[in-house]
All heavy atoms as atom14 arrays in JSON, in Angstrom:
{
  "sequence": "APVWEESKGKDEKWRTGKIEIFQGAETTNSVTFESERG",
  "atom14_mask": [
    [1, 1, 1, 1, 1, 0, 0, 0, 0, 0, 0, 0, 0, 0],
    [1, 1, 1, 1, 1, 1, 1, 0, 0, 0, 0, 0, 0, 0],
    [1, 1, 1, 1, 1, 1, 1, 0, 0, 0, 0, 0, 0, 0],
    [1, 1, 1, 1, 1, 1, 1, 1, 1, 1, 1, 1, 1, 1],
    [1, 1, 1, 1, 1, 1, 1, 1, 1, 0, 0, 0, 0, 0],
    [1, 1, 1, 1, 1, 1, 1, 1, 1, 0, 0, 0, 0, 0],
    [1, 1, 1, 1, 1, 1, 0, 0, 0, 0, 0, 0, 0, 0],
    [1, 1, 1, 1, 1, 1, 1, 1, 1, 0, 0, 0, 0, 0],
    [1, 1, 1, 1, 0, 0, 0, 0, 0, 0, 0, 0, 0, 0],
    [1, 1, 1, 1, 1, 1, 1, 1, 1, 0, 0, 0, 0, 0],
    [1, 1, 1, 1, 1, 1, 1, 1, 0, 0, 0, 0, 0, 0],
    [1, 1, 1, 1, 1, 1, 1, 1, 1, 0, 0, 0, 0, 0],
    [1, 1, 1, 1, 1, 1, 1, 1, 1, 0, 0, 0, 0, 0],
    [1, 1, 1, 1, 1, 1, 1, 1, 1, 1, 1, 1, 1, 1],
    [1, 1, 1, 1, 1, 1, 1, 1, 1, 1, 1, 0, 0, 0],
    [1, 1, 1, 1, 1, 1, 1, 0, 0, 0, 0, 0, 0, 0],
    [1, 1, 1, 1, 0, 0, 0, 0, 0, 0, 0, 0, 0, 0],
    [1, 1, 1, 1, 1, 1, 1, 1, 1, 0, 0, 0, 0, 0],
    [1, 1, 1, 1, 1, 1, 1, 1, 0, 0, 0, 0, 0, 0],
    [1, 1, 1, 1, 1, 1, 1, 1, 1, 0, 0, 0, 0, 0],
    [1, 1, 1, 1, 1, 1, 1, 1, 0, 0, 0, 0, 0, 0],
    [1, 1, 1, 1, 1, 1, 1, 1, 1, 1, 1, 0, 0, 0],
    [1, 1, 1, 1, 1, 1, 1, 1, 1, 0, 0, 0, 0, 0],
    [1, 1, 1, 1, 0, 0, 0, 0, 0, 0, 0, 0, 0, 0],
    [1, 1, 1, 1, 1, 0, 0, 0, 0, 0, 0, 0, 0, 0],
    [1, 1, 1, 1, 1, 1, 1, 1, 1, 0, 0, 0, 0, 0],
    [1, 1, 1, 1, 1, 1, 1, 0, 0, 0, 0, 0, 0, 0],
    [1, 1, 1, 1, 1, 1, 1, 0, 0, 0, 0, 0, 0, 0],
    [1, 1, 1, 1, 1, 1, 1, 1, 0, 0, 0, 0, 0, 0],
    [1, 1, 1, 1, 1, 1, 0, 0, 0, 0, 0, 0, 0, 0],
    [1, 1, 1, 1, 1, 1, 1, 0, 0, 0, 0, 0, 0, 0],
    [1, 1, 1, 1, 1, 1, 1, 0, 0, 0, 0, 0, 0, 0],
    [1, 1, 1, 1, 1, 1, 1, 1, 1, 1, 1, 0, 0, 0],
    [1, 1, 1, 1, 1, 1, 1, 1, 1, 0, 0, 0, 0, 0],
    [1, 1, 1, 1, 1, 1, 0, 0, 0, 0, 0, 0, 0, 0],
    [1, 1, 1, 1, 1, 1, 1, 1, 1, 0, 0, 0, 0, 0],
    [1, 1, 1, 1, 1, 1, 1, 1, 1, 1, 1, 0, 0, 0],
    [1, 1, 1, 1, 0, 0, 0, 0, 0, 0, 0, 0, 0, 0]
  ],
  "atom14_positions": [
    [[-3.35, 10.39, -3.74], [-2.66, 9.39, -4.54], [-2.26, 8.2, -3.63], [-1.85, 8.41, -2.48], [-1.43, 9.96, -5.17], [0.0, 0.0, 0.0], [0.0, 0.0, 0.0], [0.0, 0.0, 0.0], [0.0, 0.0, 0.0], [0.0, 0.0, 0.0], [0.0, 0.0, 0.0], [0.0, 0.0, 0.0], [0.0, 0.0, 0.0], [0.0, 0.0, 0.0]],
    [[-2.33, 6.94, -4.18], [-1.86, 5.9, -3.35], [-0.4, 5.98, -3.17], [0.36, 6.42, -4.05], [-2.18, 4.71, -4.18], [-2.47, 5.12, -5.61], [-2.74, 6.63, -5.45], [0.0, 0.0, 0.0], [0.0, 0.0, 0.0], [0.0, 0.0, 0.0], [0.0, 0.0, 0.0], [0.0, 0.0, 0.0], [0.0, 0.0, 0.0], [0.0, 0.0, 0.0]],
    [[0.14, 5.45, -2.04], [1.63, 5.5, -1.73], [2.15, 4.1, -2.21], [3.42, 3.97, -2.32], [1.92, 5.7, -0.33], [1.58, 7.08, 0.14], [1.26, 4.7, 0.57], [0.0, 0.0, 0.0], [0.0, 0.0, 0.0], [0.0, 0.0, 0.0], [0.0, 0.0, 0.0], [0.0, 0.0, 0.0], [0.0, 0.0, 0.0], [0.0, 0.0, 0.0]],
    [[1.24, 3.19, -2.54], [1.75, 1.84, -3.1], [0.6, 1.3, -3.89], [-0.59, 1.52, -3.58], [2.05, 0.97, -1.82], [2.54, -0.28, -2.15], [3.85, -0.78, -2.2], [1.8, -1.61, -2.43], [3.99, -2.07, -2.51], [2.67, -2.62, -2.66], [0.45, -1.85, -2.55], [2.34, -3.95, -3.0], [0.09, -3.14, -2.82], [1.04, -4.12, -3.01]],
    [[0.92, 0.52, -4.95], [-0.14, -0.03, -5.85], [0.4, -1.29, -6.54], [1.59, -1.23, -6.97], [-0.59, 0.99, -6.84], [-1.68, 0.56, -7.77], [-2.29, 1.63, -8.58], [-1.85, 2.82, -8.45], [-3.23, 1.34, -9.4], [0.0, 0.0, 0.0], [0.0, 0.0, 0.0], [0.0, 0.0, 0.0], [0.0, 0.0, 0.0], [0.0, 0.0, 0.0]],
    [[-0.41, -2.28, -6.71], [-0.05, -3.48, -7.4], [-1.31, -3.92, -8.17], [-2.34, -4.01, -7.62], [0.52, -4.57, -6.44], [1.14, -5.77, -7.1], [2.46, -5.39, -7.75], [3.42, -4.88, -7.09], [2.51, -5.68, -8.95], [0.0, 0.0, 0.0], [0.0, 0.0, 0.0], [0.0, 0.0, 0.0], [0.0, 0.0, 0.0], [0.0, 0.0, 0.0]],
    [[-1.09, -4.41, -9.48], [-2.28, -4.66, -10.15], [-2.31, -6.12, -10.68], [-3.3, -6.66, -11.0], [-2.41, -3.81, -11.45], [-1.24, -3.86, -12.23], [0.0, 0.0, 0.0], [0.0, 0.0, 0.0], [0.0, 0.0, 0.0], [0.0, 0.0, 0.0], [0.0, 0.0, 0.0], [0.0, 0.0, 0.0], [0.0, 0.0, 0.0], [0.0, 0.0, 0.0]],
    [[-1.16, -6.81, -10.66], [-1.18, -8.28, -11.01], [-0.15, -9.08, -10.33], [1.0, -8.43, -10.25], [-1.32, -8.48, -12.4], [-0.05, -8.04, -13.25], [-0.39, -8.44, -14.77], [1.0, -8.57, -15.35], [1.08, -7.96, -16.65], [0.0, 0.0, 0.0], [0.0, 0.0, 0.0], [0.0, 0.0, 0.0], [0.0, 0.0, 0.0], [0.0, 0.0, 0.0]],
    [[-0.42, -10.28, -10.04], [0.6, -11.1, -9.45], [1.26, -11.9, -10.55], [0.53, -12.35, -11.56], [0.0, 0.0, 0.0], [0.0, 0.0, 0.0], [0.0, 0.0, 0.0], [0.0, 0.0, 0.0], [0.0, 0.0, 0.0], [0.0, 0.0, 0.0], [0.0, 0.0, 0.0], [0.0, 0.0, 0.0], [0.0, 0.0, 0.0], [0.0, 0.0, 0.0]],
    [[2.56, -12.09, -10.42], [3.26, -12.96, -11.42], [2.76, -14.38, -11.23], [2.86, -15.18, -12.11], [4.81, -12.91, -11.1], [5.25, -11.47, -11.45], [6.76, -11.37, -10.98], [7.23, -9.99, -10.85], [6.51, -9.19, -9.8], [0.0, 0.0, 0.0], [0.0, 0.0, 0.0], [0.0, 0.0, 0.0], [0.0, 0.0, 0.0], [0.0, 0.0, 0.0]],
    [[2.5, -14.78, -9.97], [1.97, -16.16, -9.71], [0.99, -15.9, -8.46], [0.63, -14.76, -8.22], [3.18, -17.05, -9.32], [4.04, -16.37, -8.39], [3.57, -15.78, -7.45], [5.3, -16.52, -8.5], [0.0, 0.0, 0.0], [0.0, 0.0, 0.0], [0.0, 0.0, 0.0], [0.0, 0.0, 0.0], [0.0, 0.0, 0.0], [0.0, 0.0, 0.0]],
    [[0.61, -16.97, -7.74], [-0.27, -16.86, -6.68], [0.44, -16.79, -5.36], [-0.24, -16.98, -4.28], [-1.27, -17.89, -6.82], [-2.0, -17.96, -8.12], [-3.42, -18.38, -8.15], [-3.77, -19.09, -7.19], [-4.05, -18.15, -9.19], [0.0, 0.0, 0.0], [0.0, 0.0, 0.0], [0.0, 0.0, 0.0], [0.0, 0.0, 0.0], [0.0, 0.0, 0.0]],
    [[1.75, -16.5, -5.42], [2.55, -16.49, -4.15], [2.26, -15.22, -3.24], [1.92, -14.21, -3.8], [4.03, -16.6, -4.36], [4.4, -17.91, -4.88], [5.96, -17.98, -4.87], [6.4, -19.34, -5.33], [7.27, -19.41, -6.59], [0.0, 0.0, 0.0], [0.0, 0.0, 0.0], [0.0, 0.0, 0.0], [0.0, 0.0, 0.0], [0.0, 0.0, 0.0]],
    [[2.39, -15.35, -2.0], [2.44, -14.13, -1.13], [3.65, -13.39, -1.32], [4.74, -13.96, -1.49], [2.25, -14.63, 0.4], [0.93, -14.95, 0.74], [0.43, -16.28, 0.58], [-0.2, -14.22, 1.12], [-0.97, -16.29, 0.98], [-1.25, -15.08, 1.28], [-0.37, -12.85, 1.4], [-2.55, -14.61, 1.78], [-1.46, -12.38, 1.82], [-2.65, -13.24, 2.03]],
    [[3.55, -12.08, -1.39], [4.77, -11.2, -1.48], [4.76, -10.24, -0.3], [3.73, -10.1, 0.37], [4.68, -10.46, -2.81], [4.49, -11.25, -3.99], [5.52, -10.92, -5.06], [5.47, -11.8, -6.19], [6.06, -12.9, -6.49], [6.81, -13.39, -5.48], [5.93, -13.61, -7.54], [0.0, 0.0, 0.0], [0.0, 0.0, 0.0], [0.0, 0.0, 0.0]],
    [[5.91, -9.53, -0.16], [5.98, -8.5, 0.88], [6.0, -7.11, 0.35], [6.73, -6.77, -0.62], [7.3, -8.8, 1.6], [7.29, -9.99, 2.24], [7.4, -7.74, 2.79], [0.0, 0.0, 0.0], [0.0, 0.0, 0.0], [0.0, 0.0, 0.0], [0.0, 0.0, 0.0], [0.0, 0.0, 0.0], [0.0, 0.0, 0.0], [0.0, 0.0, 0.0]],
    [[5.13, -6.24, 0.86], [5.16, -4.88, 0.53], [5.71, -4.05, 1.59], [5.59, -4.34, 2.84], [0.0, 0.0, 0.0], [0.0, 0.0, 0.0], [0.0, 0.0, 0.0], [0.0, 0.0, 0.0], [0.0, 0.0, 0.0], [0.0, 0.0, 0.0], [0.0, 0.0, 0.0], [0.0, 0.0, 0.0], [0.0, 0.0, 0.0], [0.0, 0.0, 0.0]],
    [[6.46, -2.94, 1.26], [7.07, -2.03, 2.38], [6.67, -0.64, 1.89], [6.9, -0.25, 0.82], [8.54, -2.2, 2.41], [9.02, -3.51, 2.87], [10.56, -3.47, 2.89], [11.08, -4.89, 3.28], [12.59, -4.87, 3.13], [0.0, 0.0, 0.0], [0.0, 0.0, 0.0], [0.0, 0.0, 0.0], [0.0, 0.0, 0.0], [0.0, 0.0, 0.0]],
    [[6.42, 0.14, 2.99], [6.06, 1.61, 2.69], [6.72, 2.39, 3.85], [6.5, 2.13, 5.01], [4.62, 1.83, 2.74], [3.83, 1.07, 1.62], [4.27, 3.35, 2.51], [2.39, 1.09, 1.78], [0.0, 0.0, 0.0], [0.0, 0.0, 0.0], [0.0, 0.0, 0.0], [0.0, 0.0, 0.0], [0.0, 0.0, 0.0], [0.0, 0.0, 0.0]],
    [[7.54, 3.48, 3.4], [8.08, 4.32, 4.37], [7.04, 5.32, 4.8], [6.47, 5.99, 3.8], [9.34, 5.1, 3.75], [10.4, 4.11, 3.25], [11.51, 3.88, 4.17], [11.37, 4.35, 5.35], [12.42, 3.06, 3.97], [0.0, 0.0, 0.0], [0.0, 0.0, 0.0], [0.0, 0.0, 0.0], [0.0, 0.0, 0.0], [0.0, 0.0, 0.0]],
    [[6.91, 5.56, 5.97], [5.97, 6.72, 6.49], [6.81, 7.72, 7.19], [7.43, 7.5, 8.28], [4.95, 6.13, 7.44], [4.1, 4.98, 6.71], [4.01, 7.17, 7.87], [3.13, 4.35, 7.56], [0.0, 0.0, 0.0], [0.0, 0.0, 0.0], [0.0, 0.0, 0.0], [0.0, 0.0, 0.0], [0.0, 0.0, 0.0], [0.0, 0.0, 0.0]],
    [[6.99, 8.88, 6.58], [7.73, 9.95, 7.17], [6.75, 10.94, 7.92], [5.82, 11.46, 7.19], [8.57, 10.69, 6.11], [9.57, 9.84, 5.41], [9.4, 9.47, 4.17], [10.69, 9.51, 6.17], [10.35, 8.6, 3.57], [11.69, 8.62, 5.58], [11.5, 8.23, 4.29], [0.0, 0.0, 0.0], [0.0, 0.0, 0.0], [0.0, 0.0, 0.0]],
    [[6.9, 11.05, 9.14], [5.96, 11.98, 9.93], [6.49, 13.4, 9.94], [7.67, 13.51, 10.29], [5.85, 11.48, 11.38], [5.37, 10.09, 11.44], [3.93, 9.97, 11.13], [3.42, 10.19, 10.01], [3.15, 9.68, 12.1], [0.0, 0.0, 0.0], [0.0, 0.0, 0.0], [0.0, 0.0, 0.0], [0.0, 0.0, 0.0], [0.0, 0.0, 0.0]],
    [[5.75, 14.4, 9.5], [6.13, 15.74, 9.64], [5.52, 16.28, 10.92], [5.42, 15.48, 11.91], [0.0, 0.0, 0.0], [0.0, 0.0, 0.0], [0.0, 0.0, 0.0], [0.0, 0.0, 0.0], [0.0, 0.0, 0.0], [0.0, 0.0, 0.0], [0.0, 0.0, 0.0], [0.0, 0.0, 0.0], [0.0, 0.0, 0.0], [0.0, 0.0, 0.0]],
    [[5.09, 17.51, 10.86], [4.42, 18.14, 12.08], [3.06, 17.37, 12.24], [2.61, 17.09, 13.38], [4.26, 19.58, 11.93], [0.0, 0.0, 0.0], [0.0, 0.0, 0.0], [0.0, 0.0, 0.0], [0.0, 0.0, 0.0], [0.0, 0.0, 0.0], [0.0, 0.0, 0.0], [0.0, 0.0, 0.0], [0.0, 0.0, 0.0], [0.0, 0.0, 0.0]],
    [[2.4, 17.13, 11.02], [1.18, 16.33, 11.19], [1.56, 14.82, 11.03], [2.29, 14.32, 10.21], [0.33, 16.72, 9.98], [-0.35, 17.98, 10.02], [-1.35, 18.25, 8.84], [-1.95, 17.32, 8.37], [-1.36, 19.34, 8.34], [0.0, 0.0, 0.0], [0.0, 0.0, 0.0], [0.0, 0.0, 0.0], [0.0, 0.0, 0.0], [0.0, 0.0, 0.0]],
    [[0.85, 14.08, 11.88], [1.16, 12.58, 11.89], [0.02, 11.89, 11.04], [-1.15, 12.24, 10.96], [1.19, 12.05, 13.34], [0.0, 12.23, 13.94], [2.3, 12.65, 14.13], [0.0, 0.0, 0.0], [0.0, 0.0, 0.0], [0.0, 0.0, 0.0], [0.0, 0.0, 0.0], [0.0, 0.0, 0.0], [0.0, 0.0, 0.0], [0.0, 0.0, 0.0]],
    [[0.44, 10.74, 10.47], [-0.45, 9.91, 9.8], [-1.32, 9.22, 10.87], [-0.7, 8.57, 11.81], [0.32, 8.87, 8.96], [1.14, 9.56, 8.08], [-0.59, 7.93, 8.15], [0.0, 0.0, 0.0], [0.0, 0.0, 0.0], [0.0, 0.0, 0.0], [0.0, 0.0, 0.0], [0.0, 0.0, 0.0], [0.0, 0.0, 0.0], [0.0, 0.0, 0.0]],
    [[-2.62, 9.17, 10.62], [-3.48, 8.63, 11.68], [-4.15, 7.35, 11.13], [-4.9, 6.69, 11.85], [-4.46, 9.57, 12.22], [-5.39, 10.14, 11.33], [-5.36, 9.81, 10.09], [-6.2, 11.05, 11.72], [0.0, 0.0, 0.0], [0.0, 0.0, 0.0], [0.0, 0.0, 0.0], [0.0, 0.0, 0.0], [0.0, 0.0, 0.0], [0.0, 0.0, 0.0]],
    [[-4.01, 6.94, 9.89], [-4.6, 5.81, 9.32], [-3.95, 5.4, 8.02], [-3.25, 6.21, 7.38], [-6.06, 5.9, 9.15], [-6.38, 6.76, 7.97], [0.0, 0.0, 0.0], [0.0, 0.0, 0.0], [0.0, 0.0, 0.0], [0.0, 0.0, 0.0], [0.0, 0.0, 0.0], [0.0, 0.0, 0.0], [0.0, 0.0, 0.0], [0.0, 0.0, 0.0]],
    [[-3.94, 4.08, 7.79], [-3.56, 3.5, 6.56], [-4.69, 2.72, 5.97], [-5.41, 2.07, 6.66], [-2.34, 2.48, 6.75], [-1.93, 1.75, 5.54], [-1.18, 3.19, 7.38], [0.0, 0.0, 0.0], [0.0, 0.0, 0.0], [0.0, 0.0, 0.0], [0.0, 0.0, 0.0], [0.0, 0.0, 0.0], [0.0, 0.0, 0.0], [0.0, 0.0, 0.0]],
    [[-5.0, 2.94, 4.7], [-6.14, 2.21, 4.02], [-5.64, 1.3, 2.95], [-4.94, 1.65, 2.08], [-7.07, 3.28, 3.47], [-7.55, 4.2, 4.51], [-8.34, 2.56, 2.87], [0.0, 0.0, 0.0], [0.0, 0.0, 0.0], [0.0, 0.0, 0.0], [0.0, 0.0, 0.0], [0.0, 0.0, 0.0], [0.0, 0.0, 0.0], [0.0, 0.0, 0.0]],
    [[-6.07, 0.03, 3.07], [-5.88, -0.94, 1.99], [-7.19, -0.95, 1.17], [-8.22, -1.25, 1.62], [-5.66, -2.4, 2.62], [-4.33, -2.35, 3.29], [-4.17, -2.03, 4.59], [-3.18, -2.91, 2.59], [-2.96, -2.14, 5.29], [-1.98, -2.99, 3.28], [-1.8, -2.59, 4.57], [0.0, 0.0, 0.0], [0.0, 0.0, 0.0], [0.0, 0.0, 0.0]],
    [[-6.95, -0.59, -0.17], [-8.1, -0.52, -1.0], [-7.98, -1.54, -2.15], [-7.03, -1.65, -2.89], [-8.2, 0.88, -1.65], [-9.23, 1.09, -2.7], [-9.18, 2.4, -3.37], [-8.45, 2.55, -4.36], [-9.9, 3.28, -2.87], [0.0, 0.0, 0.0], [0.0, 0.0, 0.0], [0.0, 0.0, 0.0], [0.0, 0.0, 0.0], [0.0, 0.0, 0.0]],
    [[-9.04, -2.39, -2.26], [-9.15, -3.44, -3.31], [-10.08, -2.95, -4.39], [-11.22, -2.52, -4.08], [-9.7, -4.67, -2.65], [-10.09, -5.6, -3.69], [0.0, 0.0, 0.0], [0.0, 0.0, 0.0], [0.0, 0.0, 0.0], [0.0, 0.0, 0.0], [0.0, 0.0, 0.0], [0.0, 0.0, 0.0], [0.0, 0.0, 0.0], [0.0, 0.0, 0.0]],
    [[-9.59, -3.01, -5.68], [-10.49, -2.64, -6.74], [-10.73, -3.85, -7.6], [-9.83, -4.58, -8.03], [-9.87, -1.57, -7.7], [-10.66, -1.18, -8.83], [-10.13, -0.22, -9.74], [-9.13, 0.5, -9.4], [-10.52, -0.07, -10.92], [0.0, 0.0, 0.0], [0.0, 0.0, 0.0], [0.0, 0.0, 0.0], [0.0, 0.0, 0.0], [0.0, 0.0, 0.0]],
    [[-12.11, -4.14, -7.79], [-12.5, -5.36, -8.53], [-12.06, -5.26, -9.99], [-12.25, -4.16, -10.57], [-14.02, -5.4, -8.44], [-14.68, -6.35, -9.36], [-14.89, -7.66, -8.73], [-15.93, -8.41, -9.39], [-15.91, -9.11, -10.43], [-14.68, -9.27, -11.16], [-16.91, -9.85, -10.93], [0.0, 0.0, 0.0], [0.0, 0.0, 0.0], [0.0, 0.0, 0.0]],
    [[-11.5, -6.34, -10.5], [-11.08, -6.41, -11.85], [-12.11, -7.11, -12.69], [-13.27, -7.25, -12.26], [0.0, 0.0, 0.0], [0.0, 0.0, 0.0], [0.0, 0.0, 0.0], [0.0, 0.0, 0.0], [0.0, 0.0, 0.0], [0.0, 0.0, 0.0], [0.0, 0.0, 0.0], [0.0, 0.0, 0.0], [0.0, 0.0, 0.0], [0.0, 0.0, 0.0]]
  ]
}
């Protein structure tokens, strides 16, 4: 499952996204930005 998702902009301005990454015993080794064509 994605940890963050956005499907439409209110306008064409740049916005800021924030994601908390909590490391357990296993560490996150990558972040993927996925674009789906509309």
